[in-house]
C-alpha atoms as a PDB file:
ATOM      1  CA  MET A   1      94.077  81.333  98.539  1.00  0.00           C
ATOM      2  CA  SER A   2      94.462  83.675  96.232  1.00  0.00           C
ATOM      3  CA  ASN A   3      95.731  83.989  92.129  1.00  0.00           C
ATOM      4  CA  PRO A   4     100.041  83.590  92.875  1.00  0.00           C
ATOM      5  CA  ASP A   5     100.589  85.403  88.824  1.00  0.00           C
ATOM      6  CA  SER A   6      98.115  88.192  90.335  1.00  0.00           C
ATOM      7  CA  GLN A   7     100.318  88.083  93.792  1.00  0.00           C
ATOM      8  CA  SER A   8     103.556  88.481  92.086  1.00  0.00           C
ATOM      9  CA  SER A   9     103.917  90.280  89.049  1.00  0.00           C
ATOM     10  CA  SER A  10     103.811  94.111  88.596  1.00  0.00           C
ATOM     11  CA  SER A  11     101.379  95.506  85.634  1.00  0.00           C
ATOM     12  CA  GLN A  12     102.697  95.698  82.387  1.00  0.00           C
ATOM     13  CA  GLU A  13     103.228  99.211  81.112  1.00  0.00           C
ATOM     14  CA  GLU A  14     106.176  99.652  79.037  1.00  0.00           C
ATOM     15  CA  GLY A  15     108.766  97.096  77.120  1.00  0.00           C
ATOM     16  CA  THR A  16     107.580  93.429  76.849  1.00  0.00           C
ATOM     17  CA  GLN A  17     106.941  91.207  78.519  1.00  0.00           C
ATOM     18  CA  ALA A  18     106.554  86.955  78.664  1.00  0.00           C
ATOM     19  CA  HIS A  19     105.129  83.899  79.920  1.00  0.00           C
ATOM     20  CA  ILE A  20     107.452  80.781  80.161  1.00  0.00           C
ATOM     21  CA  VAL A  21     105.122  77.843  81.559  1.00  0.00           C
ATOM     22  CA  GLU A  22     105.272  74.225  82.094  1.00  0.00           C
ATOM     23  CA  ILE A  23     102.852  71.704  83.525  1.00  0.00           C
ATOM     24  CA  ILE A  24     103.197  67.955  84.783  1.00  0.00           C
ATOM     25  CA  GLU A  25     100.501  65.836  86.284  1.00  0.00           C
ATOM     26  CA  ALA A  26     101.751  63.894  88.893  1.00  0.00           C
ATOM     27  CA  ALA A  27      99.556  59.926  88.984  1.00  0.00           C
ATOM     28  CA  ASP A  28      97.793  60.798  92.689  1.00  0.00           C
ATOM     29  CA  PRO A  29      97.833  64.215  95.473  1.00  0.00           C
ATOM     30  CA  GLN A  30     100.105  62.683  97.371  1.00  0.00           C
ATOM     31  CA  GLU A  31     102.778  62.186  94.693  1.00  0.00           C
ATOM     32  CA  ALA A  32     102.092  65.677  93.963  1.00  0.00           C
ATOM     33  CA  LYS A  33     102.883  66.942  97.106  1.00  0.00           C
ATOM     34  CA  LEU A  34     106.195  65.662  97.150  1.00  0.00           C
ATOM     35  CA  LEU A  35     106.615  67.076  93.680  1.00  0.00           C
ATOM     36  CA  PHE A  36     105.912  70.260  94.691  1.00  0.00           C
ATOM     37  CA  LEU A  37     108.320  69.865  97.440  1.00  0.00           C
ATOM     38  CA  LYS A  38     111.061  69.075  95.631  1.00  0.00           C
ATOM     39  CA  ALA A  39     110.340  72.047  93.493  1.00  0.00           C
ATOM     40  CA  ARG A  40     110.101  74.473  96.020  1.00  0.00           C
ATOM     41  CA  GLU A  41     113.087  73.627  96.844  1.00  0.00           C
ATOM     42  CA  ARG A  42     114.838  74.006  93.243  1.00  0.00           C
ATOM     43  CA  LEU A  43     113.295  76.921  93.263  1.00  0.00           C
ATOM     44  CA  PHE A  44     114.658  78.415  96.364  1.00  0.00           C
ATOM     45  CA  ASP A  45     118.359  77.262  95.350  1.00  0.00           C
ATOM     46  CA  ILE A  46     118.979  79.760  93.479  1.00  0.00           C
ATOM     47  CA  SER A  47     122.768  79.236  93.457  1.00  0.00           C
ATOM     48  CA  HIS A  48     122.479  75.600  91.591  1.00  0.00           C
ATOM     49  CA  TRP A  49     119.808  76.589  89.090  1.00  0.00           C
ATOM     50  CA  GLU A  50     122.471  76.498  86.383  1.00  0.00           C
ATOM     51  CA  ASN A  51     123.090  72.780  87.450  1.00  0.00           C
ATOM     52  CA  ILE A  52     119.540  71.581  87.332  1.00  0.00           C
ATOM     53  CA  SER A  53     118.737  73.312  84.378  1.00  0.00           C
ATOM     54  CA  GLU A  54     120.627  71.675  81.039  1.00  0.00           C
ATOM     55  CA  GLY A  55     121.500  73.824  78.576  1.00  0.00           C
ATOM     56  CA  LEU A  56     121.601  77.291  80.729  1.00  0.00           C
ATOM     57  CA  SER A  57     124.001  79.565  80.116  1.00  0.00           C
ATOM     58  CA  ALA A  58     123.793  81.628  82.857  1.00  0.00           C
ATOM     59  CA  SER A  59     125.242  81.238  85.943  1.00  0.00           C
ATOM     60  CA  PHE A  60     123.360  82.756  89.661  1.00  0.00           C
ATOM     61  CA  ASP A  61     124.507  83.627  92.966  1.00  0.00           C
ATOM     62  CA  LEU A  62     122.484  85.095  95.658  1.00  0.00           C
ATOM     63  CA  THR A  63     124.181  87.499  97.883  1.00  0.00           C
ATOM     64  CA  ASP A  64     123.363  89.084 100.760  1.00  0.00           C
ATOM     65  CA  LYS A  65     122.222  93.205 100.610  1.00  0.00           C
ATOM     66  CA  ASN A  66     125.503  93.641 100.713  1.00  0.00           C
ATOM     67  CA  GLY A  67     126.806  91.741  97.930  1.00  0.00           C
ATOM     68  CA  ASN A  68     128.028  88.663 100.160  1.00  0.00           C
ATOM     69  CA  ILE A  69     127.878  85.230  98.347  1.00  0.00           C
ATOM     70  CA  LYS A  70     125.522  83.391 100.901  1.00  0.00           C
ATOM     71  CA  GLU A  71     123.651  79.491 101.331  1.00  0.00           C
ATOM     72  CA  GLY A  72     120.341  78.505 101.565  1.00  0.00           C
ATOM     73  CA  PHE A  73     116.726  80.942 100.291  1.00  0.00           C
ATOM     74  CA  PRO A  74     116.745  83.495  99.474  1.00  0.00           C
ATOM     75  CA  GLU A  75     115.747  85.965 101.951  1.00  0.00           C
ATOM     76  CA  LYS A  76     113.715  89.882 100.768  1.00  0.00           C
ATOM     77  CA  GLY A  77     116.051  92.326 100.297  1.00  0.00           C
ATOM     78  CA  ASP A  78     118.620  89.732  98.952  1.00  0.00           C
ATOM     79  CA  HIS A  79     120.571  89.819  95.469  1.00  0.00           C
ATOM     80  CA  ILE A  80     120.775  88.135  93.074  1.00  0.00           C
ATOM     81  CA  ARG A  81     124.535  88.207  90.802  1.00  0.00           C
ATOM     82  CA  ILE A  82     124.069  87.037  87.134  1.00  0.00           C
ATOM     83  CA  ASP A  83     127.150  86.433  85.078  1.00  0.00           C
ATOM     84  CA  ILE A  84     125.398  85.873  81.401  1.00  0.00           C
ATOM     85  CA  PRO A  85     127.374  85.242  77.825  1.00  0.00           C
ATOM     86  CA  GLY A  86     129.294  87.785  76.277  1.00  0.00           C
ATOM     87  CA  PRO A  87     130.390  90.976  78.145  1.00  0.00           C
ATOM     88  CA  GLY A  88     129.100  91.585  81.060  1.00  0.00           C
ATOM     89  CA  SER A  89     128.170  95.184  82.326  1.00  0.00           C
ATOM     90  CA  SER A  90     131.258  97.095  84.254  1.00  0.00           C
ATOM     91  CA  ALA A  91     128.465  98.684  86.454  1.00  0.00           C
ATOM     92  CA  GLY A  92     128.620  95.350  88.554  1.00  0.00           C
ATOM     93  CA  LYS A  93     131.761  94.314  87.435  1.00  0.00           C
ATOM     94  CA  GLY A  94     131.657  92.196  84.692  1.00  0.00           C
ATOM     95  CA  TYR A  95     127.816  90.811  86.299  1.00  0.00           C
ATOM     96  CA  ASP A  96     123.951  91.554  86.269  1.00  0.00           C
ATOM     97  CA  TRP A  97     122.642  92.129  89.348  1.00  0.00           C
ATOM     98  CA  VAL A  98     118.630  91.875  90.293  1.00  0.00           C
ATOM     99  CA  ARG A  99     117.296  92.079  94.142  1.00  0.00           C
ATOM    100  CA  VAL A 100     114.936  89.915  96.115  1.00  0.00           C
ATOM    101  CA  GLU A 101     111.959  91.854  96.342  1.00  0.00           C
ATOM    102  CA  MET A 102     109.229  89.250  97.106  1.00  0.00           C
ATOM    103  CA  ILE A 103     109.132  86.449  98.647  1.00  0.00           C
ATOM    104  CA  GLU A 104     106.090  84.604  99.310  1.00  0.00           C
ATOM    105  CA  ASP A 105     106.040  80.957  99.917  1.00  0.00           C
ATOM    106  CA  LYS A 106     101.917  79.619 100.653  1.00  0.00           C
ATOM    107  CA  ARG A 107     102.076  75.901 101.648  1.00  0.00           C
ATOM    108  CA  ALA A 108      98.984  73.771 101.358  1.00  0.00           C
ATOM    109  CA  GLY A 109      98.010  72.270 104.788  1.00  0.00           C
ATOM    110  CA  ASP A 110      94.505  70.736 103.861  1.00  0.00           C
ATOM    111  CA  SER A 111      94.211  72.924 100.406  1.00  0.00           C
ATOM    112  CA  ASP A 112      95.068  71.108  97.547  1.00  0.00           C
ATOM    113  CA  ARG A 113      96.372  74.224  95.981  1.00  0.00           C
ATOM    114  CA  GLU A 114     100.592  75.818  96.943  1.00  0.00           C
ATOM    115  CA  TRP A 115     102.903  77.913  95.572  1.00  0.00           C
ATOM    116  CA  SER A 116     106.245  79.762  95.774  1.00  0.00           C
ATOM    117  CA  ILE A 117     107.095  82.803  94.679  1.00  0.00           C
ATOM    118  CA  ILE A 118     110.103  85.273  94.200  1.00  0.00           C
ATOM    119  CA  LYS A 119     110.478  88.358  92.187  1.00  0.00           C
ATOM    120  CA  VAL A 120     112.932  89.960  91.727  1.00  0.00           C
ATOM    121  CA  ARG A 121     114.100  93.777  89.738  1.00  0.00           C
ATOM    122  CA  PRO A 122     117.333  95.223  87.898  1.00  0.00           C
ATOM    123  CA  SER A 123     119.163  96.346  90.592  1.00  0.00           C
ATOM    124  CA  GLU A 124     122.892  98.412  91.283  1.00  0.00           C
ATOM    125  CA  ASP A 125     125.746  95.974  92.672  1.00  0.00           C
ATOM    126  CA  PRO A 126     125.663  96.578  96.566  1.00  0.00           C
ATOM    127  CA  VAL A 127     129.335  96.895  96.317  1.00  0.00           C
ATOM    128  CA  MET A 128     129.901  99.386  93.789  1.00  0.00           C
ATOM    129  CA  GLN A 129     126.296 101.387  93.621  1.00  0.00           C
ATOM    130  CA  GLU A 130     127.041 102.910  90.496  1.00  0.00           C
ATOM    131  CA  GLY A 131     123.388 102.897  88.523  1.00  0.00           C
ATOM    132  CA  VAL A 132     120.833 100.166  87.727  1.00  0.00           C
ATOM    133  CA  ALA A 133     123.755  96.852  86.298  1.00  0.00           C
ATOM    134  CA  HIS A 134     121.678  94.917  84.621  1.00  0.00           C
ATOM    135  CA  PHE A 135     120.834  95.287  80.859  1.00  0.00           C
ATOM    136  CA  PHE A 136     117.050  95.526  81.759  1.00  0.00           C
ATOM    137  CA  GLU A 137     116.208  98.833  82.953  1.00  0.00           C
ATOM    138  CA  ALA A 138     114.336  99.474  87.096  1.00  0.00           C
ATOM    139  CA  ILE A 139     110.850  98.799  85.762  1.00  0.00           C
ATOM    140  CA  ALA A 140     111.413  95.159  84.402  1.00  0.00           C
ATOM    141  CA  THR A 141     110.465  92.128  87.122  1.00  0.00           C
ATOM    142  CA  SER A 142     110.710  88.611  86.529  1.00  0.00           C
ATOM    143  CA  SER A 143     108.994  86.390  89.047  1.00  0.00           C
ATOM    144  CA  PHE A 144     109.930  82.394  89.274  1.00  0.00           C
ATOM    145  CA  ILE A 145     106.906  80.623  90.095  1.00  0.00           C
ATOM    146  CA  VAL A 146     105.867  76.573  91.391  1.00  0.00           C
ATOM    147  CA  THR A 147     102.431  75.593  91.762  1.00  0.00           C
ATOM    148  CA  ARG A 148     100.563  73.104  93.002  1.00  0.00           C
ATOM    149  CA  GLU A 149      96.997  72.503  91.872  1.00  0.00           C
ATOM    150  CA  ASP A 150      95.746  69.046  93.428  1.00  0.00           C
ATOM    151  CA  THR A 151      97.778  66.945  90.590  1.00  0.00           C
ATOM    152  CA  LYS A 152      98.671  69.303  88.357  1.00  0.00           C
ATOM    153  CA  LEU A 153     102.422  71.099  89.208  1.00  0.00           C
ATOM    154  CA  SER A 154     103.435  73.833  87.170  1.00  0.00           C
ATOM    155  CA  ALA A 155     107.110  76.099  86.843  1.00  0.00           C
ATOM    156  CA  GLU A 156     106.767  79.904  85.283  1.00  0.00           C
ATOM    157  CA  VAL A 157     108.572  82.597  84.854  1.00  0.00           C
ATOM    158  CA  HIS A 158     106.379  86.249  83.807  1.00  0.00           C
ATOM    159  CA  GLY A 159     108.983  88.964  82.899  1.00  0.00           C
ATOM    160  CA  ARG A 160     107.071  92.479  82.792  1.00  0.00           C
ATOM    161  CA  ASN A 161     107.943  95.964  81.688  1.00  0.00           C
ATOM    162  CA  GLU A 162     111.286  94.829  79.315  1.00  0.00           C
ATOM    163  CA  LYS A 163     112.926  97.407  78.284  1.00  0.00           C
ATOM    164  CA  PRO A 164     116.690  97.863  77.542  1.00  0.00           C
ATOM    165  CA  ASN A 165     118.744  99.531  79.749  1.00  0.00           C
ATOM    166  CA  LYS A 166     120.484 102.466  77.838  1.00  0.00           C
ATOM    167  CA  LYS A 167     120.352 104.646  81.295  1.00  0.00           C
ATOM    168  CA  SER A 168     123.710 103.981  82.430  1.00  0.00           C
ATOM    169  CA  LYS A 169     126.193 106.190  82.878  1.00  0.00           C
ATOM    170  CA  LYS A 170     128.834 104.652  80.645  1.00  0.00           C
ATOM    171  CA  LEU A 171     128.808 104.777  76.849  1.00  0.00           C
ATOM    172  CA  ALA A 172     130.109 101.199  76.906  1.00  0.00           C
ATOM    173  CA  ASP A 173     127.327  99.623  78.922  1.00  0.00           C
ATOM    174  CA  LYS A 174     124.969 101.118  76.811  1.00  0.00           C
ATOM    175  CA  ILE A 175     126.095  99.843  73.747  1.00  0.00           C
ATOM    176  CA  ARG A 176     126.233  96.619  75.554  1.00  0.00           C
ATOM    177  CA  ASN A 177     122.979  96.834  77.188  1.00  0.00           C
ATOM    178  CA  THR A 178     121.378  97.524  73.880  1.00  0.00           C
ATOM    179  CA  VAL A 179     122.085  94.795  72.276  1.00  0.00           C
ATOM    180  CA  THR A 180     121.899  92.043  75.439  1.00  0.00           C
ATOM    181  CA  GLY A 181     118.941  93.928  76.247  1.00  0.00           C
ATOM    182  CA  THR A 182     117.261  93.549  72.413  1.00  0.00           C
ATOM    183  CA  LEU A 183     118.299  89.990  71.987  1.00  0.00           C
ATOM    184  CA  ALA A 184     116.689  88.787  74.964  1.00  0.00           C
ATOM    185  CA  THR A 185     113.611  90.566  74.530  1.00  0.00           C
ATOM    186  CA  ALA A 186     113.591  88.948  70.923  1.00  0.00           C
ATOM    187  CA  GLY A 187     113.584  85.156  72.491  1.00  0.00           C
ATOM    188  CA  ILE A 188     116.997  84.572  73.703  1.00  0.00           C
ATOM    189  CA  ALA A 189     115.717  85.173  77.242  1.00  0.00           C
ATOM    190  CA  LYS A 190     112.616  83.446  76.807  1.00  0.00           C
ATOM    191  CA  ILE A 191     115.020  80.490  75.883  1.00  0.00           C
ATOM    192  CA  GLN A 192     116.808  80.396  78.962  1.00  0.00           C
ATOM    193  CA  TRP A 193     114.133  80.754  81.450  1.00  0.00           C
ATOM    194  CA  GLN A 194     112.375  77.627  79.466  1.00  0.00           C
ATOM    195  CA  LYS A 195     115.407  75.666  80.624  1.00  0.00           C
ATOM    196  CA  LEU A 196     114.597  76.389  83.932  1.00  0.00           C
ATOM    197  CA  VAL A 197     111.322  75.923  84.378  1.00  0.00           C
ATOM    198  CA  LYS A 198     111.967  72.367  82.967  1.00  0.00           C
ATOM    199  CA  GLY A 199     114.781  71.760  85.419  1.00  0.00           C
ATOM    200  CA  LEU A 200     112.314  73.345  88.096  1.00  0.00           C
ATOM    201  CA  LEU A 201     110.154  70.491  87.034  1.00  0.00           C
ATOM    202  CA  ASN A 202     112.668  67.911  86.757  1.00  0.00           C
ATOM    203  CA  ILE A 203     111.962  67.064  82.996  1.00  0.00           C
ATOM    204  CA  LYS A 204     114.416  66.024  80.925  1.00  0.00           C
END
């Protein structure tokens, strides 16, 4: 099995990058496998990320490719509608949007290593279609990963090419994205993702 980080993350070319990691150790391989299955389920249950992450201020809704709210696990081509504190994107009707670009789900079988990954990229609101509706440019990606290696479990978020989106059509969105994107790259986003990775591993 290959390295999950190398499979999931885009190369760093512009802007900033982020690496948020939490690790726990299980008592034995059997417990580790059970904990991984629970972490995997939390990872793919995107619409409940806010519920598992104590203090997470953003909320997330999984939608299909047409922007309709959906339940269950995500699929490539789905979107995630994000509601963050403060003014929203007018291009996204008050929300930020990302598209699910890749999903990888490597189950262990007889191996002592397994992982699950969701990789997303800023996108248009699938209904409005008025340009990228996100505070980062479309070059940015975020990869959400849970991994088990023998008895060690990790939850990770890796951001690449994070640049404030100044290409919006509307001046208000340009200003909003510059402020929000700058705060995100300065560390606000890392604080939020730290809460998520703890929630994925059920760390209190």
